[in-house]
Amino acid sequence: MEQLNIENIEIVSNDILTEKSTYKVRKRCFDFISSLIAIVIFSPLFLILGIMVKLDSPGPVFFGHTRLGKRGKKIKVYKFRTMVTNAEDILKNMTEDMKREFEENFKFENDARITKLGKFLRKSSLDELPQLLNILIGNMSVVGPRPIVEKEIEKYGIYGDKLLTIKPGLTGNWQAGGRSDTTYDERVQLDMQYIDKRNFWMDIKIIFKTVFVVFKKEGAM
């Protein structure tokens, strides 16, 4: 029986660990530098959109929603406000069918809570620009699974723990792969594929693919 070469196994294992460590450092440097540059470049747009949100409907400019970050830590994910301030009351008064749709997908196709400007912001994904601040401070990444609310973890079943091993992202396989045109099961599969295969060049590819999808307005709600 052929004997295993322990020395070669150790060398391969060390190479894999070094590669993963290098990727993590490179990814964080990219996240920090790219988010900082983007915030500076888009600061006039931040101001314009902030004024438009304020004029469109009463309420705050930004909305911070509690989501699950790496290792299940609860984080505030920031967006431009796209809903009316009494959104929770509207949700409580919706029909049973609409409530079931929300429980299934955590969104509606025709959502009465969304403001006129909010529809445009969501369609163009401009509502997510403030998440550049999340990336800058380090509780999100440019690329990764989209941040989920605590109840959504049930949708991931046996993959729930795996999902929380990395930071959520501004964009990811799901965003680049059609967003709302996919089922939740397909979203889970796309997220797991990313976690298994992720590397720096895959991140770059997803970023460019996302830009293309957003400009074509594919899968946006």
C-alpha atoms as a PDB file:
ATOM      1  CA  MET A   1       0.000   0.000   0.000  1.00  0.00           C
ATOM      2  CA  GLU A   2       1.392   3.397  -1.034  1.00  0.00           C
ATOM      3  CA  GLN A   3       2.358   5.588   1.891  1.00  0.00           C
ATOM      4  CA  LEU A   4       1.009   9.132   2.088  1.00  0.00           C
ATOM      5  CA  ASN A   5       3.574  11.892   1.792  1.00  0.00           C
ATOM      6  CA  ILE A   6       2.760  13.951   4.879  1.00  0.00           C
ATOM      7  CA  GLU A   7       5.323  16.600   3.959  1.00  0.00           C
ATOM      8  CA  ASN A   8       3.625  17.306   0.606  1.00  0.00           C
ATOM      9  CA  ILE A   9       0.201  17.461   2.281  1.00  0.00           C
ATOM     10  CA  GLU A  10       1.521  20.020   4.782  1.00  0.00           C
ATOM     11  CA  ILE A  11       3.026  22.133   1.975  1.00  0.00           C
ATOM     12  CA  VAL A  12      -0.280  22.147   0.047  1.00  0.00           C
ATOM     13  CA  SER A  13      -2.236  22.989   3.224  1.00  0.00           C
ATOM     14  CA  ASN A  14       0.120  25.867   4.038  1.00  0.00           C
ATOM     15  CA  ASP A  15      -0.186  27.185   0.464  1.00  0.00           C
ATOM     16  CA  ILE A  16      -4.002  27.144   0.725  1.00  0.00           C
ATOM     17  CA  LEU A  17      -3.933  28.956   4.084  1.00  0.00           C
ATOM     18  CA  THR A  18      -1.491  31.565   2.719  1.00  0.00           C
ATOM     19  CA  GLU A  19      -3.671  32.076  -0.355  1.00  0.00           C
ATOM     20  CA  LYS A  20      -6.793  32.573   1.786  1.00  0.00           C
ATOM     21  CA  SER A  21      -4.970  34.967   4.104  1.00  0.00           C
ATOM     22  CA  THR A  22      -3.634  36.981   1.155  1.00  0.00           C
ATOM     23  CA  TYR A  23      -7.129  37.131  -0.343  1.00  0.00           C
ATOM     24  CA  LYS A  24      -8.617  38.444   2.921  1.00  0.00           C
ATOM     25  CA  VAL A  25      -5.986  41.200   3.199  1.00  0.00           C
ATOM     26  CA  ARG A  26      -6.327  42.122  -0.483  1.00  0.00           C
ATOM     27  CA  LYS A  27     -10.128  42.137  -0.214  1.00  0.00           C
ATOM     28  CA  ARG A  28     -10.153  44.424   2.831  1.00  0.00           C
ATOM     29  CA  CYS A  29      -7.680  46.839   1.208  1.00  0.00           C
ATOM     30  CA  PHE A  30      -9.828  46.925  -1.925  1.00  0.00           C
ATOM     31  CA  ASP A  31     -12.988  47.459   0.152  1.00  0.00           C
ATOM     32  CA  PHE A  32     -11.504  50.342   2.125  1.00  0.00           C
ATOM     33  CA  ILE A  33      -9.860  52.163  -0.796  1.00  0.00           C
ATOM     34  CA  SER A  34     -12.727  51.691  -3.278  1.00  0.00           C
ATOM     35  CA  SER A  35     -15.436  52.736  -0.786  1.00  0.00           C
ATOM     36  CA  LEU A  36     -13.457  55.815   0.281  1.00  0.00           C
ATOM     37  CA  ILE A  37     -12.911  56.892  -3.345  1.00  0.00           C
ATOM     38  CA  ALA A  38     -16.567  56.198  -4.213  1.00  0.00           C
ATOM     39  CA  ILE A  39     -17.837  58.251  -1.249  1.00  0.00           C
ATOM     40  CA  VAL A  40     -15.716  61.222  -2.341  1.00  0.00           C
ATOM     41  CA  ILE A  41     -16.757  60.921  -6.003  1.00  0.00           C
ATOM     42  CA  PHE A  42     -20.456  60.419  -5.256  1.00  0.00           C
ATOM     43  CA  SER A  43     -20.716  62.986  -2.434  1.00  0.00           C
ATOM     44  CA  PRO A  44     -22.565  65.498  -4.717  1.00  0.00           C
ATOM     45  CA  LEU A  45     -24.989  62.716  -5.674  1.00  0.00           C
ATOM     46  CA  PHE A  46     -25.469  61.875  -1.987  1.00  0.00           C
ATOM     47  CA  LEU A  47     -26.466  65.511  -1.381  1.00  0.00           C
ATOM     48  CA  ILE A  48     -28.845  65.658  -4.368  1.00  0.00           C
ATOM     49  CA  LEU A  49     -30.542  62.360  -3.505  1.00  0.00           C
ATOM     50  CA  GLY A  50     -30.818  63.388   0.141  1.00  0.00           C
ATOM     51  CA  ILE A  51     -32.661  66.575  -0.829  1.00  0.00           C
ATOM     52  CA  MET A  52     -34.912  64.628  -3.219  1.00  0.00           C
ATOM     53  CA  VAL A  53     -35.826  62.075  -0.530  1.00  0.00           C
ATOM     54  CA  LYS A  54     -36.669  64.886   1.885  1.00  0.00           C
ATOM     55  CA  LEU A  55     -38.847  66.678  -0.666  1.00  0.00           C
ATOM     56  CA  ASP A  56     -40.568  63.499  -1.861  1.00  0.00           C
ATOM     57  CA  SER A  57     -42.106  62.472   1.481  1.00  0.00           C
ATOM     58  CA  PRO A  58     -41.923  63.388   5.189  1.00  0.00           C
ATOM     59  CA  GLY A  59     -39.325  61.544   7.222  1.00  0.00           C
ATOM     60  CA  PRO A  60     -35.569  60.995   7.563  1.00  0.00           C
ATOM     61  CA  VAL A  61     -33.215  60.839   4.571  1.00  0.00           C
ATOM     62  CA  PHE A  62     -31.524  57.603   5.617  1.00  0.00           C
ATOM     63  CA  PHE A  63     -32.921  54.354   6.917  1.00  0.00           C
ATOM     64  CA  GLY A  64     -30.844  52.007   9.037  1.00  0.00           C
ATOM     65  CA  HIS A  65     -32.118  48.434   9.086  1.00  0.00           C
ATOM     66  CA  THR A  66     -30.819  45.721  11.411  1.00  0.00           C
ATOM     67  CA  ARG A  67     -29.283  42.818   9.486  1.00  0.00           C
ATOM     68  CA  LEU A  68     -27.008  39.883  10.247  1.00  0.00           C
ATOM     69  CA  GLY A  69     -23.305  40.392   9.640  1.00  0.00           C
ATOM     70  CA  LYS A  70     -20.328  38.047   9.866  1.00  0.00           C
ATOM     71  CA  ARG A  71     -20.681  35.417  12.633  1.00  0.00           C
ATOM     72  CA  GLY A  72     -24.310  36.477  13.091  1.00  0.00           C
ATOM     73  CA  LYS A  73     -23.417  39.857  14.587  1.00  0.00           C
ATOM     74  CA  LYS A  74     -26.279  42.344  14.200  1.00  0.00           C
ATOM     75  CA  ILE A  75     -25.309  45.380  12.145  1.00  0.00           C
ATOM     76  CA  LYS A  76     -27.091  48.506  10.911  1.00  0.00           C
ATOM     77  CA  VAL A  77     -27.210  48.546   7.114  1.00  0.00           C
ATOM     78  CA  TYR A  78     -27.871  52.008   5.698  1.00  0.00           C
ATOM     79  CA  LYS A  79     -29.978  53.003   2.686  1.00  0.00           C
ATOM     80  CA  PHE A  80     -31.701  56.079   1.358  1.00  0.00           C
ATOM     81  CA  ARG A  81     -35.252  55.885   2.694  1.00  0.00           C
ATOM     82  CA  THR A  82     -37.565  54.470   0.022  1.00  0.00           C
ATOM     83  CA  MET A  83     -40.666  53.852   2.136  1.00  0.00           C
ATOM     84  CA  VAL A  84     -43.236  56.005   3.876  1.00  0.00           C
ATOM     85  CA  THR A  85     -42.696  56.449   7.610  1.00  0.00           C
ATOM     86  CA  ASN A  86     -45.833  54.437   8.512  1.00  0.00           C
ATOM     87  CA  ALA A  87     -44.676  51.404   6.496  1.00  0.00           C
ATOM     88  CA  GLU A  88     -45.109  49.023   9.448  1.00  0.00           C
ATOM     89  CA  ASP A  89     -48.755  50.071   9.917  1.00  0.00           C
ATOM     90  CA  ILE A  90     -49.451  49.499   6.213  1.00  0.00           C
ATOM     91  CA  LEU A  91     -47.869  46.037   6.456  1.00  0.00           C
ATOM     92  CA  LYS A  92     -50.123  45.094   9.378  1.00  0.00           C
ATOM     93  CA  ASN A  93     -53.236  46.067   7.380  1.00  0.00           C
ATOM     94  CA  MET A  94     -52.381  44.077   4.250  1.00  0.00           C
ATOM     95  CA  THR A  95     -54.355  41.047   3.089  1.00  0.00           C
ATOM     96  CA  GLU A  96     -53.418  37.520   4.158  1.00  0.00           C
ATOM     97  CA  ASP A  97     -52.240  36.718   0.612  1.00  0.00           C
ATOM     98  CA  MET A  98     -49.918  39.732   0.623  1.00  0.00           C
ATOM     99  CA  LYS A  99     -48.595  38.796   4.056  1.00  0.00           C
ATOM    100  CA  ARG A 100     -47.846  35.268   2.790  1.00  0.00           C
ATOM    101  CA  GLU A 101     -46.015  36.747  -0.206  1.00  0.00           C
ATOM    102  CA  PHE A 102     -43.938  38.879   2.154  1.00  0.00           C
ATOM    103  CA  GLU A 103     -43.130  35.907   4.402  1.00  0.00           C
ATOM    104  CA  GLU A 104     -42.038  33.926   1.337  1.00  0.00           C
ATOM    105  CA  ASN A 105     -39.882  36.557  -0.392  1.00  0.00           C
ATOM    106  CA  PHE A 106     -39.540  39.387   2.188  1.00  0.00           C
ATOM    107  CA  LYS A 107     -40.774  41.825  -0.474  1.00  0.00           C
ATOM    108  CA  PHE A 108     -43.795  42.587  -2.663  1.00  0.00           C
ATOM    109  CA  GLU A 109     -43.990  43.051  -6.410  1.00  0.00           C
ATOM    110  CA  ASN A 110     -46.341  46.036  -5.951  1.00  0.00           C
ATOM    111  CA  ASP A 111     -45.507  47.475  -2.558  1.00  0.00           C
ATOM    112  CA  ALA A 112     -47.792  50.290  -1.369  1.00  0.00           C
ATOM    113  CA  ARG A 113     -45.217  51.286   1.240  1.00  0.00           C
ATOM    114  CA  ILE A 114     -42.675  52.455  -1.349  1.00  0.00           C
ATOM    115  CA  THR A 115     -42.635  56.157  -2.256  1.00  0.00           C
ATOM    116  CA  LYS A 116     -42.614  57.459  -5.840  1.00  0.00           C
ATOM    117  CA  LEU A 117     -38.934  58.370  -5.599  1.00  0.00           C
ATOM    118  CA  GLY A 118     -38.301  55.128  -3.729  1.00  0.00           C
ATOM    119  CA  LYS A 119     -39.386  53.091  -6.771  1.00  0.00           C
ATOM    120  CA  PHE A 120     -36.779  54.855  -8.895  1.00  0.00           C
ATOM    121  CA  LEU A 121     -34.084  54.506  -6.233  1.00  0.00           C
ATOM    122  CA  ARG A 122     -34.721  50.775  -5.911  1.00  0.00           C
ATOM    123  CA  LYS A 123     -34.928  50.202  -9.663  1.00  0.00           C
ATOM    124  CA  SER A 124     -31.588  51.944 -10.133  1.00  0.00           C
ATOM    125  CA  SER A 125     -30.093  50.517  -6.880  1.00  0.00           C
ATOM    126  CA  LEU A 126     -29.161  54.081  -5.868  1.00  0.00           C
ATOM    127  CA  ASP A 127     -30.908  53.510  -2.523  1.00  0.00           C
ATOM    128  CA  GLU A 128     -27.986  51.255  -1.540  1.00  0.00           C
ATOM    129  CA  LEU A 129     -25.256  53.885  -2.028  1.00  0.00           C
ATOM    130  CA  PRO A 130     -25.058  54.682   1.731  1.00  0.00           C
ATOM    131  CA  GLN A 131     -23.817  51.111   2.260  1.00  0.00           C
ATOM    132  CA  LEU A 132     -20.461  52.427   1.084  1.00  0.00           C
ATOM    133  CA  LEU A 133     -20.208  53.682   4.681  1.00  0.00           C
ATOM    134  CA  ASN A 134     -20.771  50.127   5.948  1.00  0.00           C
ATOM    135  CA  ILE A 135     -17.969  48.935   3.675  1.00  0.00           C
ATOM    136  CA  LEU A 136     -15.645  51.714   4.811  1.00  0.00           C
ATOM    137  CA  ILE A 137     -16.052  50.878   8.516  1.00  0.00           C
ATOM    138  CA  GLY A 138     -15.654  47.182   7.779  1.00  0.00           C
ATOM    139  CA  ASN A 139     -18.942  45.420   8.635  1.00  0.00           C
ATOM    140  CA  MET A 140     -19.734  44.888   4.939  1.00  0.00           C
ATOM    141  CA  SER A 141     -17.703  44.125   1.831  1.00  0.00           C
ATOM    142  CA  VAL A 142     -18.081  45.265  -1.778  1.00  0.00           C
ATOM    143  CA  VAL A 143     -18.773  41.642  -2.791  1.00  0.00           C
ATOM    144  CA  GLY A 144     -20.541  39.026  -0.698  1.00  0.00           C
ATOM    145  CA  PRO A 145     -24.007  37.622  -0.012  1.00  0.00           C
ATOM    146  CA  ARG A 146     -26.575  40.378   0.477  1.00  0.00           C
ATOM    147  CA  PRO A 147     -27.246  41.133   4.166  1.00  0.00           C
ATOM    148  CA  ILE A 148     -30.359  39.423   5.490  1.00  0.00           C
ATOM    149  CA  VAL A 149     -32.770  40.032   8.370  1.00  0.00           C
ATOM    150  CA  GLU A 150     -32.726  37.544  11.233  1.00  0.00           C
ATOM    151  CA  LYS A 151     -35.895  35.715  10.099  1.00  0.00           C
ATOM    152  CA  GLU A 152     -34.410  35.103   6.644  1.00  0.00           C
ATOM    153  CA  ILE A 153     -31.739  32.774   8.031  1.00  0.00           C
ATOM    154  CA  GLU A 154     -34.426  30.069   8.104  1.00  0.00           C
ATOM    155  CA  LYS A 155     -34.503  30.201   4.296  1.00  0.00           C
ATOM    156  CA  TYR A 156     -30.892  29.004   4.206  1.00  0.00           C
ATOM    157  CA  GLY A 157     -31.633  25.851   6.215  1.00  0.00           C
ATOM    158  CA  ILE A 158     -28.466  23.784   6.710  1.00  0.00           C
ATOM    159  CA  TYR A 159     -26.451  26.530   4.967  1.00  0.00           C
ATOM    160  CA  GLY A 160     -27.308  29.210   7.541  1.00  0.00           C
ATOM    161  CA  ASP A 161     -24.080  28.868   9.522  1.00  0.00           C
ATOM    162  CA  LYS A 162     -22.028  28.828   6.328  1.00  0.00           C
ATOM    163  CA  LEU A 163     -23.648  32.058   5.123  1.00  0.00           C
ATOM    164  CA  LEU A 164     -22.502  33.861   8.266  1.00  0.00           C
ATOM    165  CA  THR A 165     -18.835  32.856   7.879  1.00  0.00           C
ATOM    166  CA  ILE A 166     -18.176  35.888   5.655  1.00  0.00           C
ATOM    167  CA  LYS A 167     -19.204  39.550   5.544  1.00  0.00           C
ATOM    168  CA  PRO A 168     -22.334  40.490   3.611  1.00  0.00           C
ATOM    169  CA  GLY A 169     -21.742  42.499   0.447  1.00  0.00           C
ATOM    170  CA  LEU A 170     -23.052  45.465  -1.482  1.00  0.00           C
ATOM    171  CA  THR A 171     -23.285  43.105  -4.432  1.00  0.00           C
ATOM    172  CA  GLY A 172     -22.775  39.413  -4.990  1.00  0.00           C
ATOM    173  CA  ASN A 173     -23.637  36.375  -7.087  1.00  0.00           C
ATOM    174  CA  TRP A 174     -27.353  36.941  -6.526  1.00  0.00           C
ATOM    175  CA  GLN A 175     -27.228  40.624  -7.487  1.00  0.00           C
ATOM    176  CA  ALA A 176     -25.176  39.858 -10.592  1.00  0.00           C
ATOM    177  CA  GLY A 177     -27.354  36.876 -11.451  1.00  0.00           C
ATOM    178  CA  GLY A 178     -30.721  38.563 -11.844  1.00  0.00           C
ATOM    179  CA  ARG A 179     -31.751  39.620  -8.311  1.00  0.00           C
ATOM    180  CA  SER A 180     -35.560  39.463  -8.012  1.00  0.00           C
ATOM    181  CA  ASP A 181     -35.874  37.353 -11.176  1.00  0.00           C
ATOM    182  CA  THR A 182     -34.489  34.400  -9.192  1.00  0.00           C
ATOM    183  CA  THR A 183     -36.246  32.282  -6.562  1.00  0.00           C
ATOM    184  CA  TYR A 184     -35.040  32.291  -2.972  1.00  0.00           C
ATOM    185  CA  ASP A 185     -33.702  28.732  -3.374  1.00  0.00           C
ATOM    186  CA  GLU A 186     -31.667  29.905  -6.375  1.00  0.00           C
ATOM    187  CA  ARG A 187     -30.399  32.828  -4.304  1.00  0.00           C
ATOM    188  CA  VAL A 188     -29.195  30.404  -1.616  1.00  0.00           C
ATOM    189  CA  GLN A 189     -27.396  28.311  -4.234  1.00  0.00           C
ATOM    190  CA  LEU A 190     -25.715  31.396  -5.724  1.00  0.00           C
ATOM    191  CA  ASP A 191     -24.546  32.529  -2.270  1.00  0.00           C
ATOM    192  CA  MET A 192     -23.119  29.097  -1.462  1.00  0.00           C
ATOM    193  CA  GLN A 193     -21.319  28.957  -4.822  1.00  0.00           C
ATOM    194  CA  TYR A 194     -19.677  32.277  -4.041  1.00  0.00           C
ATOM    195  CA  ILE A 195     -18.557  31.211  -0.563  1.00  0.00           C
ATOM    196  CA  ASP A 196     -17.042  27.991  -1.933  1.00  0.00           C
ATOM    197  CA  LYS A 197     -15.261  29.507  -4.932  1.00  0.00           C
ATOM    198  CA  ARG A 198     -14.562  33.110  -3.938  1.00  0.00           C
ATOM    199  CA  ASN A 199     -11.320  34.769  -4.951  1.00  0.00           C
ATOM    200  CA  PHE A 200     -10.189  38.271  -5.865  1.00  0.00           C
ATOM    201  CA  TRP A 201     -10.751  37.927  -9.621  1.00  0.00           C
ATOM    202  CA  MET A 202     -14.189  36.437  -9.049  1.00  0.00           C
ATOM    203  CA  ASP A 203     -15.012  39.547  -6.992  1.00  0.00           C
ATOM    204  CA  ILE A 204     -13.898  41.832  -9.842  1.00  0.00           C
ATOM    205  CA  LYS A 205     -15.963  39.825 -12.337  1.00  0.00           C
ATOM    206  CA  ILE A 206     -19.071  40.106 -10.125  1.00  0.00           C
ATOM    207  CA  ILE A 207     -18.606  43.881  -9.773  1.00  0.00           C
ATOM    208  CA  PHE A 208     -18.479  44.393 -13.568  1.00  0.00           C
ATOM    209  CA  LYS A 209     -21.403  42.024 -14.102  1.00  0.00           C
ATOM    210  CA  THR A 210     -23.443  43.918 -11.484  1.00  0.00           C
ATOM    211  CA  VAL A 211     -22.827  47.240 -13.239  1.00  0.00           C
ATOM    212  CA  PHE A 212     -24.135  45.696 -16.463  1.00  0.00           C
ATOM    213  CA  VAL A 213     -27.223  44.239 -14.723  1.00  0.00           C
ATOM    214  CA  VAL A 214     -28.026  47.521 -12.941  1.00  0.00           C
ATOM    215  CA  PHE A 215     -27.760  49.564 -16.146  1.00  0.00           C
ATOM    216  CA  LYS A 216     -30.078  47.098 -17.881  1.00  0.00           C
ATOM    217  CA  LYS A 217     -32.340  47.211 -14.789  1.00  0.00           C
ATOM    218  CA  GLU A 218     -32.619  43.424 -14.752  1.00  0.00           C
ATOM    219  CA  GLY A 219     -34.421  41.848 -11.810  1.00  0.00           C
ATOM    220  CA  ALA A 220     -34.920  45.112  -9.918  1.00  0.00           C
ATOM    221  CA  MET A 221     -38.037  45.752  -7.849  1.00  0.00           C
END
